[in-house]
Amino acid sequence: MSLLETTISEIRKELDPAALAAAKDRLRNQAKPPGSLGVMEDISARLAAIKGTLDVRLTHKRIVTCAGDHGVVEEGVSLFPAEVTPQMVLNFAGGGASVNVIAKHAGAEVKAADIGVNYDFDPALPIFHKKVRHGTANFTKEPAMTRNEAIRSIEAGIEIVAELEAESPVDLLGTGDMGIGNTTPSTAVIAAFSGLPVEKLTGRGTGIDDAALANKIAVIQKGLDLHMPDPKDPLDILSKVGGLEIGALAGLVLGAASRGIPVICDGLISTAGALIACELAPAAKNYLFVSHQSVEIGHKYMHDRLGLSPLIDLNFRLGEGTGAAVCMELLDLSTRILADIKTFEEVGVTNID
């Protein structure tokens, strides 16, 4: 079997039922009204079921920011030129980007990954060097990539998880993105899966005006009409209208799930990758948390399709893994809610029935 097929086969179809039941029982009997900490209790129970213990410790947290360029940028869908993508990768490596600052506060390490940047980095640069090709093709004229390249991009993400674990244990993985123009293929992905009108899904990305937004909608529609990606075939969608970093983001989710690692995705682009992963392997959703609700309007429809609710809404629209970094602290806190809040029995409270 291929690496992708093997990875999917290794994802457990069900989380630890005994740990889940024990977690729910403890939460129900803690010295507080049952369910009074809401979503945090749900998070803590799912983490317990993933890890097989009521005392989950998210000590080793990592964020991988996957980068790639997009040929469709030549259609005028972004305010920024493609040259910004490699410049930002260098910024990630130097520790000066938004995600670096937020992740440091959350106790997480950040490492960028070149999946498809149209630039040749110094091999000594401390990033994951996983380039599949120098950017995708312009999908208004030809498929973004070949099917084999789509598979290779996913397998690059799977390989990154393995390499991270070879360095040190990974207790929690966050996914982030970088790629000028990448809200366009991400929107095309959810449009292809959902069949919803493109204009209902398309946002302003870097802040384009009304005329540019109308152009962006037309560009996405043109790509969908030209290639007619199969909504039942995630690899067909990824290869025809997706992005190389989107594929790697899918691979991160699959690789983490196969190793029993909870993974928290970031905004529109990271969630597009998570969507590809969960369409390929529905059981991967058991390990997936979605961090925030982006300002990008298509993001909500990705969450709806996944059947998962974002943890926060702070009007973020940056990417990089910033939302994932913020929510790592919430996941950390949820583990303490489960393990450290005493039960009525432990504190000697009686006559509560």
Protein backbone atom coordinates (compact mmCIF):
# COMPACT_ATOMS: atom_id res chain seq x y z
CA MET A 1 0.00 0.00 0.00
CA SER A 2 1.01 3.61 -0.46
CA LEU A 3 1.91 5.80 2.51
CA LEU A 4 -1.47 7.52 2.22
CA GLU A 5 -3.38 4.23 2.18
CA THR A 6 -1.36 2.82 5.07
CA THR A 7 -1.88 5.95 7.15
CA ILE A 8 -5.64 5.92 6.62
CA SER A 9 -5.79 2.23 7.58
CA GLU A 10 -3.99 2.99 10.86
CA ILE A 11 -6.54 5.51 12.12
CA ARG A 12 -8.65 4.00 14.89
CA LYS A 13 -12.33 4.03 14.03
CA GLU A 14 -13.32 4.60 17.66
CA LEU A 15 -11.73 6.44 20.57
CA ASP A 16 -11.16 4.74 23.95
CA PRO A 17 -14.74 4.08 25.15
CA ALA A 18 -13.71 3.30 28.74
CA ALA A 19 -11.73 6.53 29.09
CA LEU A 20 -14.58 8.51 27.55
CA ALA A 21 -17.13 7.01 29.94
CA ALA A 22 -14.86 7.59 32.94
CA ALA A 23 -14.28 11.20 31.88
CA LYS A 24 -17.98 11.89 31.53
CA ASP A 25 -18.66 10.27 34.91
CA ARG A 26 -16.01 12.39 36.63
CA LEU A 27 -17.29 15.58 35.00
CA ARG A 28 -20.83 14.72 36.06
CA ASN A 29 -19.76 14.27 39.70
CA GLN A 30 -17.46 17.26 40.08
CA ALA A 31 -18.28 19.88 42.71
CA LYS A 32 -20.20 22.14 40.36
CA PRO A 33 -23.47 21.97 38.43
CA PRO A 34 -23.18 19.25 35.75
CA GLY A 35 -22.20 20.69 32.38
CA SER A 36 -21.63 24.16 33.78
CA LEU A 37 -18.26 24.52 32.02
CA GLY A 38 -19.90 23.75 28.71
CA VAL A 39 -17.68 23.15 25.72
CA MET A 40 -14.58 22.90 27.89
CA GLU A 41 -16.01 19.73 29.43
CA ASP A 42 -16.66 18.26 25.99
CA ILE A 43 -13.08 19.01 24.94
CA SER A 44 -11.66 17.44 28.07
CA ALA A 45 -13.68 14.25 27.62
CA ARG A 46 -12.64 13.87 23.99
CA LEU A 47 -8.98 14.45 24.83
CA ALA A 48 -9.25 11.79 27.54
CA ALA A 49 -10.71 9.36 25.00
CA ILE A 50 -7.93 10.19 22.52
CA LYS A 51 -5.15 9.75 25.09
CA GLY A 52 -6.72 6.95 27.14
CA THR A 53 -6.30 8.73 30.48
CA LEU A 54 -8.16 11.23 32.66
CA ASP A 55 -4.92 13.09 33.37
CA VAL A 56 -3.98 14.33 29.90
CA ARG A 57 -0.77 16.34 29.67
CA LEU A 58 -0.26 18.46 26.56
CA THR A 59 3.38 19.15 27.29
CA HIS A 60 4.81 19.00 23.79
CA LYS A 61 2.88 21.27 21.43
CA ARG A 62 3.91 21.87 17.82
CA ILE A 63 2.54 24.00 14.99
CA VAL A 64 3.42 23.34 11.36
CA THR A 65 2.80 26.18 8.91
CA CYS A 66 2.60 24.78 5.39
CA ALA A 67 3.47 27.07 2.49
CA GLY A 68 2.74 27.00 -1.23
CA ASP A 69 2.21 29.31 -4.17
CA HIS A 70 -0.74 29.42 -6.53
CA GLY A 71 -0.79 29.98 -10.27
CA VAL A 72 -4.28 31.44 -10.02
CA VAL A 73 -2.77 34.57 -8.44
CA GLU A 74 -2.10 35.80 -11.97
CA GLU A 75 -5.88 36.27 -12.28
CA GLY A 76 -5.77 39.15 -9.78
CA VAL A 77 -7.41 37.42 -6.80
CA SER A 78 -5.08 38.85 -4.12
CA LEU A 79 -3.82 42.27 -3.04
CA PHE A 80 -0.33 40.90 -2.52
CA PRO A 81 2.14 39.50 -5.06
CA ALA A 82 3.32 35.89 -4.89
CA GLU A 83 6.80 37.08 -3.86
CA VAL A 84 5.44 37.59 -0.36
CA THR A 85 5.11 33.82 0.22
CA PRO A 86 8.86 33.03 0.43
CA GLN A 87 9.47 36.24 2.38
CA MET A 88 6.99 35.11 5.02
CA VAL A 89 8.50 31.62 5.18
CA LEU A 90 11.81 33.27 6.01
CA ASN A 91 10.00 35.31 8.68
CA PHE A 92 8.55 32.13 10.24
CA ALA A 93 12.00 30.57 10.29
CA GLY A 94 13.37 33.71 11.97
CA GLY A 95 10.65 33.73 14.63
CA GLY A 96 9.22 37.13 13.70
CA ALA A 97 5.72 36.30 12.46
CA SER A 98 2.41 36.58 14.27
CA VAL A 99 2.14 32.82 14.78
CA ASN A 100 5.62 32.68 16.33
CA VAL A 101 4.66 35.26 18.97
CA ILE A 102 1.30 33.70 19.83
CA ALA A 103 2.68 30.16 19.82
CA LYS A 104 5.50 31.13 22.16
CA HIS A 105 2.93 32.38 24.65
CA ALA A 106 1.07 29.06 24.31
CA GLY A 107 4.26 27.06 24.84
CA ALA A 108 4.28 25.70 21.31
CA GLU A 109 7.08 25.43 18.77
CA VAL A 110 6.49 26.58 15.18
CA LYS A 111 8.15 25.19 12.08
CA ALA A 112 7.34 26.12 8.51
CA ALA A 113 7.15 23.63 5.65
CA ASP A 114 7.85 24.35 1.99
CA ILE A 115 5.38 22.23 0.06
CA GLY A 116 5.08 24.26 -3.10
CA VAL A 117 6.69 27.68 -2.82
CA ASN A 118 7.87 29.13 -6.12
CA TYR A 119 11.32 29.80 -4.68
CA ASP A 120 14.40 27.73 -3.86
CA PHE A 121 15.27 28.03 -0.19
CA ASP A 122 18.72 27.41 1.22
CA PRO A 123 18.74 23.70 2.21
CA ALA A 124 20.18 24.76 5.58
CA LEU A 125 17.11 26.89 6.40
CA PRO A 126 15.42 25.30 9.45
CA ILE A 127 12.13 24.39 7.78
CA PHE A 128 10.67 21.17 6.40
CA HIS A 129 11.89 20.95 2.82
CA LYS A 130 9.07 19.01 1.13
CA LYS A 131 8.61 20.82 -2.17
CA VAL A 132 6.38 18.90 -4.59
CA ARG A 133 6.62 21.53 -7.33
CA HIS A 134 7.19 25.27 -7.65
CA GLY A 135 3.58 26.32 -7.09
CA THR A 136 0.36 25.10 -8.62
CA ALA A 137 -0.80 25.84 -12.15
CA ASN A 138 -3.47 28.45 -12.85
CA PHE A 139 -6.63 26.38 -12.47
CA THR A 140 -8.59 28.63 -14.81
CA LYS A 141 -6.47 27.17 -17.61
CA GLU A 142 -5.39 23.70 -16.44
CA PRO A 143 -5.63 21.51 -13.32
CA ALA A 144 -3.80 22.95 -10.33
CA MET A 145 -1.65 19.80 -10.16
CA THR A 146 -1.67 16.16 -11.20
CA ARG A 147 -3.36 13.53 -9.09
CA ASN A 148 0.05 12.07 -8.19
CA GLU A 149 1.22 15.50 -7.05
CA ALA A 150 -1.90 15.83 -4.91
CA ILE A 151 -1.11 12.49 -3.25
CA ARG A 152 2.50 13.52 -2.82
CA SER A 153 1.47 16.76 -1.10
CA ILE A 154 -0.68 14.83 1.38
CA GLU A 155 2.11 12.35 2.01
CA ALA A 156 4.47 15.26 2.69
CA GLY A 157 2.24 16.23 5.62
CA ILE A 158 2.18 12.65 6.85
CA GLU A 159 5.98 12.51 6.68
CA ILE A 160 6.26 15.74 8.67
CA VAL A 161 4.28 14.26 11.56
CA ALA A 162 6.55 11.22 11.57
CA GLU A 163 9.64 13.43 11.55
CA LEU A 164 8.30 15.55 14.42
CA GLU A 165 7.66 12.44 16.50
CA ALA A 166 11.14 11.17 15.73
CA GLU A 167 12.52 14.36 17.28
CA SER A 168 10.35 14.32 20.42
CA PRO A 169 6.84 13.32 21.51
CA VAL A 170 3.99 15.38 20.07
CA ASP A 171 1.05 15.79 22.45
CA LEU A 172 -0.86 18.34 20.39
CA LEU A 173 -0.40 19.43 16.78
CA GLY A 174 -1.58 22.70 15.27
CA THR A 175 -1.86 23.37 11.55
CA GLY A 176 -1.27 26.68 9.78
CA ASP A 177 -0.77 28.00 6.27
CA MET A 178 1.03 30.53 4.12
CA GLY A 179 0.44 31.15 0.44
CA ILE A 180 -0.58 34.30 -1.37
CA GLY A 181 -3.92 33.73 -3.07
CA ASN A 182 -4.76 30.58 -1.12
CA THR A 183 -8.25 31.63 -0.06
CA THR A 184 -9.20 31.15 -3.71
CA PRO A 185 -8.41 27.40 -3.96
CA SER A 186 -9.71 26.87 -0.42
CA THR A 187 -13.05 28.39 -1.42
CA ALA A 188 -13.04 26.28 -4.57
CA VAL A 189 -12.58 23.18 -2.38
CA ILE A 190 -15.65 23.81 -0.24
CA ALA A 191 -17.64 24.85 -3.31
CA ALA A 192 -16.74 21.58 -5.02
CA PHE A 193 -17.71 19.48 -2.00
CA SER A 194 -20.89 21.35 -1.10
CA GLY A 195 -22.28 22.40 -4.46
CA LEU A 196 -23.23 25.74 -2.89
CA PRO A 197 -23.09 28.89 -5.03
CA VAL A 198 -19.57 30.30 -5.23
CA GLU A 199 -20.73 33.83 -4.37
CA LYS A 200 -22.14 32.51 -1.09
CA LEU A 201 -18.74 31.10 -0.11
CA THR A 202 -16.23 33.66 -1.32
CA GLY A 203 -14.66 36.23 0.99
CA ARG A 204 -12.27 39.13 0.56
CA GLY A 205 -9.08 37.35 1.58
CA THR A 206 -6.40 39.99 2.05
CA GLY A 207 -9.02 42.76 1.81
CA ILE A 208 -9.90 43.09 -1.86
CA ASP A 209 -12.51 45.61 -2.99
CA ASP A 210 -15.90 44.89 -4.57
CA ALA A 211 -14.60 44.70 -8.13
CA ALA A 212 -11.82 42.32 -7.15
CA LEU A 213 -14.27 40.21 -5.17
CA ALA A 214 -16.51 39.88 -8.21
CA ASN A 215 -13.46 38.84 -10.23
CA LYS A 216 -12.46 36.29 -7.58
CA ILE A 217 -15.92 34.72 -7.67
CA ALA A 218 -15.77 34.53 -11.47
CA VAL A 219 -12.28 32.98 -11.34
CA ILE A 220 -13.39 30.25 -8.92
CA GLN A 221 -16.50 29.53 -10.98
CA LYS A 222 -14.43 29.32 -14.15
CA GLY A 223 -12.13 26.73 -12.59
CA LEU A 224 -15.04 24.64 -11.33
CA ASP A 225 -16.84 24.80 -14.68
CA LEU A 226 -13.68 23.90 -16.58
CA HIS A 227 -12.63 20.90 -14.49
CA MET A 228 -15.91 19.71 -12.89
CA PRO A 229 -14.18 18.16 -9.84
CA ASP A 230 -15.95 15.09 -8.46
CA PRO A 231 -17.45 15.88 -5.01
CA LYS A 232 -17.12 12.20 -4.09
CA ASP A 233 -13.38 12.16 -4.84
CA PRO A 234 -11.31 14.39 -2.52
CA LEU A 235 -8.14 13.76 -4.53
CA ASP A 236 -9.88 14.90 -7.70
CA ILE A 237 -10.93 18.15 -6.02
CA LEU A 238 -7.47 18.73 -4.53
CA SER A 239 -5.69 18.11 -7.81
CA LYS A 240 -7.99 20.21 -9.98
CA VAL A 241 -8.66 23.30 -7.88
CA GLY A 242 -6.70 22.88 -4.64
CA GLY A 243 -3.27 23.81 -3.38
CA LEU A 244 -0.09 22.00 -2.44
CA GLU A 245 -0.12 23.36 1.11
CA ILE A 246 -3.79 22.35 1.40
CA GLY A 247 -2.75 18.79 0.59
CA ALA A 248 0.00 18.88 3.20
CA LEU A 249 -2.44 20.25 5.77
CA ALA A 250 -4.66 17.25 5.05
CA GLY A 251 -1.63 15.03 5.54
CA LEU A 252 -0.89 16.59 8.92
CA VAL A 253 -4.41 15.71 10.10
CA LEU A 254 -4.18 12.16 8.77
CA GLY A 255 -0.68 11.62 10.13
CA ALA A 256 -1.65 12.93 13.56
CA ALA A 257 -4.83 10.85 13.68
CA SER A 258 -2.94 7.69 12.72
CA ARG A 259 -0.62 8.25 15.68
CA GLY A 260 -3.32 9.15 18.19
CA ILE A 261 -2.35 12.82 18.32
CA PRO A 262 -5.08 15.46 18.71
CA VAL A 263 -4.82 18.13 16.02
CA ILE A 264 -6.25 21.62 15.98
CA CYS A 265 -6.68 23.37 12.65
CA ASP A 266 -6.58 27.08 12.03
CA GLY A 267 -8.59 29.14 9.56
CA LEU A 268 -10.05 28.76 6.09
CA ILE A 269 -7.02 27.17 4.41
CA SER A 270 -6.16 24.80 7.27
CA THR A 271 -9.79 23.78 7.48
CA ALA A 272 -9.85 23.09 3.74
CA GLY A 273 -6.99 20.67 4.38
CA ALA A 274 -8.82 19.14 7.34
CA LEU A 275 -11.90 18.74 5.15
CA ILE A 276 -9.90 16.86 2.52
CA ALA A 277 -8.49 14.63 5.28
CA CYS A 278 -11.88 13.83 6.80
CA GLU A 279 -13.44 13.14 3.41
CA LEU A 280 -10.64 10.65 2.78
CA ALA A 281 -10.81 9.16 6.29
CA PRO A 282 -13.95 10.05 8.28
CA ALA A 283 -12.45 8.61 11.48
CA ALA A 284 -9.82 11.37 11.43
CA LYS A 285 -12.53 13.74 12.66
CA ASN A 286 -12.35 12.08 16.08
CA TYR A 287 -8.93 13.68 16.57
CA LEU A 288 -9.74 17.06 15.05
CA PHE A 289 -10.56 20.31 16.81
CA VAL A 290 -11.38 23.48 14.86
CA SER A 291 -9.96 26.56 16.48
CA HIS A 292 -11.84 29.62 15.33
CA GLN A 293 -14.46 31.13 13.05
CA SER A 294 -12.67 33.13 10.40
CA VAL A 295 -14.06 36.32 8.90
CA GLU A 296 -13.90 34.43 5.57
CA ILE A 297 -17.53 33.54 4.87
CA GLY A 298 -16.80 30.11 3.41
CA HIS A 299 -15.26 28.95 6.67
CA LYS A 300 -18.65 28.40 8.31
CA TYR A 301 -19.68 25.99 5.56
CA MET A 302 -16.51 23.96 6.07
CA HIS A 303 -17.36 23.64 9.76
CA ASP A 304 -20.92 22.68 8.88
CA ARG A 305 -19.71 19.91 6.58
CA LEU A 306 -17.28 18.64 9.22
CA GLY A 307 -19.97 18.79 11.89
CA LEU A 308 -17.59 20.58 14.26
CA SER A 309 -17.95 23.90 16.03
CA PRO A 310 -15.15 26.47 16.29
CA LEU A 311 -13.95 27.22 19.80
CA ILE A 312 -13.60 30.99 19.45
CA ASP A 313 -14.57 33.89 17.19
CA LEU A 314 -12.11 36.80 17.39
CA ASN A 315 -12.54 38.13 13.85
CA PHE A 316 -9.26 36.53 12.80
CA ARG A 317 -8.41 36.34 9.10
CA LEU A 318 -4.66 35.84 9.13
CA GLY A 319 -3.91 32.13 8.93
CA GLU A 320 -0.37 30.99 9.75
CA GLY A 321 -1.71 28.87 12.62
CA THR A 322 -2.57 31.86 14.83
CA GLY A 323 -6.05 30.64 15.78
CA ALA A 324 -4.69 27.17 16.51
CA ALA A 325 -2.04 28.68 18.78
CA VAL A 326 -4.61 30.67 20.75
CA CYS A 327 -6.83 27.62 21.22
CA MET A 328 -3.99 25.41 22.38
CA GLU A 329 -4.31 27.20 25.69
CA LEU A 330 -8.00 26.33 25.86
CA LEU A 331 -7.23 22.65 25.24
CA ASP A 332 -4.52 22.78 27.89
CA LEU A 333 -6.97 24.29 30.37
CA SER A 334 -9.62 21.70 29.56
CA THR A 335 -7.30 18.89 30.66
CA ARG A 336 -6.95 20.53 34.09
CA ILE A 337 -10.70 20.97 34.37
CA LEU A 338 -11.13 17.22 34.06
CA ALA A 339 -8.20 16.09 36.19
CA ASP A 340 -8.01 18.72 38.91
CA ILE A 341 -11.54 19.87 39.78
CA LYS A 342 -12.56 17.72 42.73
CA THR A 343 -15.66 15.57 42.82
CA PHE A 344 -18.27 15.98 45.52
CA GLU A 345 -17.01 12.76 47.07
CA GLU A 346 -13.40 13.94 47.09
CA VAL A 347 -14.28 17.15 48.95
CA GLY A 348 -16.75 15.47 51.29
CA VAL A 349 -19.90 17.18 50.05
CA THR A 350 -22.98 15.07 50.72
CA ASN A 351 -26.76 15.34 50.29
CA ILE A 352 -26.54 16.80 46.79
CA ASP A 353 -29.23 14.60 45.21
